[in-house]
């Protein structure tokens, strides 16, 4: 596996990766309506626009060229995306991708990373030194859902 910069050509595969991660990993902690609302928020076009807006966006690529995970880092220190294929979960791929994002943040003199983490992401980020600031309860359309505001001081 290697990590490289995001390219616009990745958008369609990454949108599919996102939906699979939400549906298969997120389903352990959220109900069907919540999964549908969450997974419905990303398509290739809006993912491409977000990941091409100047933020650092990285992808983890398998030996076969398949995209395994992706993540981003905004100039403010915000991590908006960190998603892996369900079959890549627990294999250290997202951890390596996160480590690369954190290293790049440190190189840019960013002193605080923060994110809004789902239940499974909360467990991951706690292992990397993030702390929970608060639970966030909100609506996606008419569906109630929650995540966690988290941060890590560098």
Protein backbone atom coordinates (compact mmCIF):
# COMPACT_ATOMS: atom_id res chain seq x y z
CA UNK A 1 0.00 0.00 0.00
CA UNK A 2 1.13 3.55 -0.66
CA UNK A 3 -0.32 6.98 0.06
CA UNK A 4 -0.62 9.64 -2.59
CA UNK A 5 -2.38 12.92 -3.24
CA UNK A 6 -6.01 12.85 -4.30
CA UNK A 7 -6.73 13.26 -8.03
CA UNK A 8 -10.09 14.27 -9.51
CA UNK A 9 -10.22 10.92 -11.31
CA UNK A 10 -10.51 9.29 -7.86
CA UNK A 11 -13.86 10.92 -7.05
CA UNK A 12 -16.21 8.26 -8.38
CA UNK A 13 -14.37 5.40 -6.64
CA UNK A 14 -14.05 7.41 -3.41
CA UNK A 15 -17.75 8.27 -3.37
CA UNK A 16 -18.49 4.55 -3.62
CA UNK A 17 -15.92 3.84 -0.88
CA UNK A 18 -17.60 6.46 1.33
CA UNK A 19 -21.07 4.96 0.85
CA UNK A 20 -19.80 1.42 1.53
CA UNK A 21 -17.98 2.53 4.68
CA UNK A 22 -21.05 4.33 5.98
CA UNK A 23 -23.41 1.48 5.14
CA UNK A 24 -21.22 -1.40 6.34
CA UNK A 25 -19.14 0.09 9.16
CA UNK A 26 -21.60 2.75 10.32
CA UNK A 27 -24.46 0.25 10.46
CA UNK A 28 -22.94 -1.23 13.61
CA UNK A 29 -23.82 1.95 15.49
CA UNK A 30 -26.61 3.72 13.57
CA UNK A 31 -30.06 2.65 12.42
CA UNK A 32 -31.13 2.24 8.79
CA UNK A 33 -32.70 5.71 8.49
CA UNK A 34 -29.58 7.34 9.90
CA UNK A 35 -27.35 5.36 7.52
CA UNK A 36 -29.49 6.35 4.54
CA UNK A 37 -29.37 10.03 5.51
CA UNK A 38 -25.60 9.98 6.13
CA UNK A 39 -24.69 7.97 3.01
CA UNK A 40 -26.90 10.10 0.78
CA UNK A 41 -24.88 13.25 1.40
CA UNK A 42 -21.96 12.48 -0.91
CA UNK A 43 -21.75 11.99 -4.67
CA UNK A 44 -18.68 12.02 -6.90
CA UNK A 45 -19.25 15.62 -8.01
CA UNK A 46 -19.54 17.19 -4.58
CA UNK A 47 -16.74 15.01 -3.19
CA UNK A 48 -14.48 16.17 -6.01
CA UNK A 49 -15.37 19.81 -5.35
CA UNK A 50 -14.63 19.48 -1.63
CA UNK A 51 -11.38 17.54 -2.01
CA UNK A 52 -10.17 19.89 -4.76
CA UNK A 53 -10.75 23.13 -2.83
CA UNK A 54 -7.13 23.54 -1.68
CA UNK A 55 -7.16 21.26 1.34
CA UNK A 56 -4.70 18.38 1.64
CA UNK A 57 -6.49 15.26 0.42
CA UNK A 58 -4.76 11.88 0.42
CA UNK A 59 -5.69 8.38 -0.70
CA UNK A 60 -4.30 5.01 0.32
CA UNK A 61 -3.83 2.78 -2.70
CA UNK A 62 -3.41 -0.99 -2.65
CA UNK A 63 -0.79 -2.88 -4.66
CA UNK A 64 -3.48 -3.61 -7.25
CA UNK A 65 -4.27 0.10 -7.66
CA UNK A 66 -7.56 -0.12 -5.73
CA UNK A 67 -8.35 2.86 -3.51
CA UNK A 68 -8.53 1.59 0.08
CA UNK A 69 -9.04 4.75 2.14
CA UNK A 70 -9.02 8.53 1.95
CA UNK A 71 -8.69 11.45 4.29
CA UNK A 72 -8.26 15.19 4.26
CA UNK A 73 -6.82 18.07 6.24
CA UNK A 74 -8.10 21.63 5.95
CA UNK A 75 -5.76 24.57 6.65
CA UNK A 76 -7.60 25.17 9.95
CA UNK A 77 -6.67 21.68 11.21
CA UNK A 78 -10.13 20.26 10.50
CA UNK A 79 -10.29 16.62 9.41
CA UNK A 80 -13.51 16.27 7.46
CA UNK A 81 -13.02 12.82 5.90
CA UNK A 82 -11.29 9.65 7.04
CA UNK A 83 -12.94 6.62 5.49
CA UNK A 84 -11.74 3.13 4.57
CA UNK A 85 -13.26 0.25 2.68
CA UNK A 86 -14.94 -2.16 5.09
CA UNK A 87 -12.51 -4.93 4.12
CA UNK A 88 -9.58 -2.60 4.90
CA UNK A 89 -10.91 -1.66 8.35
CA UNK A 90 -8.75 -2.82 11.23
CA UNK A 91 -5.71 -3.46 9.03
CA UNK A 92 -3.82 -0.28 9.87
CA UNK A 93 -4.54 1.45 6.57
CA UNK A 94 -6.62 4.30 8.02
CA UNK A 95 -4.07 4.59 10.85
CA UNK A 96 -1.22 5.05 8.37
CA UNK A 97 -3.25 7.55 6.41
CA UNK A 98 -4.07 9.47 9.60
CA UNK A 99 -0.38 9.44 10.65
CA UNK A 100 0.54 10.98 7.29
CA UNK A 101 -2.12 13.68 7.71
CA UNK A 102 -0.88 14.45 11.23
CA UNK A 103 2.75 14.60 10.06
CA UNK A 104 1.77 17.03 7.32
CA UNK A 105 -0.22 19.11 9.85
CA UNK A 106 2.83 19.36 12.09
CA UNK A 107 4.97 20.37 9.11
CA UNK A 108 2.50 23.20 8.44
CA UNK A 109 2.74 24.29 12.10
CA UNK A 110 -0.91 23.38 12.75
CA UNK A 111 -1.25 23.04 16.52
CA UNK A 112 -4.77 21.62 16.79
CA UNK A 113 -6.60 18.94 14.84
CA UNK A 114 -10.35 18.66 15.17
CA UNK A 115 -13.14 16.61 13.67
CA UNK A 116 -16.76 15.57 14.00
CA UNK A 117 -16.53 11.82 14.48
CA UNK A 118 -19.17 9.14 14.07
CA UNK A 119 -19.38 6.37 16.66
CA UNK A 120 -16.85 4.11 14.88
CA UNK A 121 -14.59 7.09 14.08
CA UNK A 122 -14.75 8.20 17.72
CA UNK A 123 -13.25 4.87 18.78
CA UNK A 124 -10.50 5.24 16.16
CA UNK A 125 -9.66 8.85 17.05
CA UNK A 126 -9.54 8.10 20.79
CA UNK A 127 -6.73 5.61 20.02
CA UNK A 128 -4.77 8.35 18.25
CA UNK A 129 -4.92 10.79 21.16
CA UNK A 130 -8.04 12.81 20.39
CA UNK A 131 -10.40 13.76 23.20
CA UNK A 132 -14.17 14.10 23.02
CA UNK A 133 -15.34 17.68 23.55
CA UNK A 134 -19.05 16.93 23.34
CA UNK A 135 -21.70 14.82 21.68
CA UNK A 136 -23.44 16.61 18.81
CA UNK A 137 -27.10 15.72 18.19
CA UNK A 138 -28.47 17.12 14.94
CA UNK A 139 -30.72 16.38 11.98
CA UNK A 140 -29.94 15.34 8.43
CA UNK A 141 -33.16 16.32 6.72
CA UNK A 142 -35.79 14.85 9.04
CA UNK A 143 -33.52 12.17 10.53
CA UNK A 144 -31.96 12.63 13.97
CA UNK A 145 -28.32 11.51 14.19
CA UNK A 146 -25.29 12.23 16.33
CA UNK A 147 -21.52 12.46 16.24
CA UNK A 148 -18.78 13.82 18.48
CA UNK A 149 -16.77 17.02 18.39
CA UNK A 150 -13.19 15.90 19.04
CA UNK A 151 -9.77 17.50 19.10
CA UNK A 152 -6.10 16.73 19.47
CA UNK A 153 -3.52 19.32 20.42
CA UNK A 154 -0.24 18.85 18.60
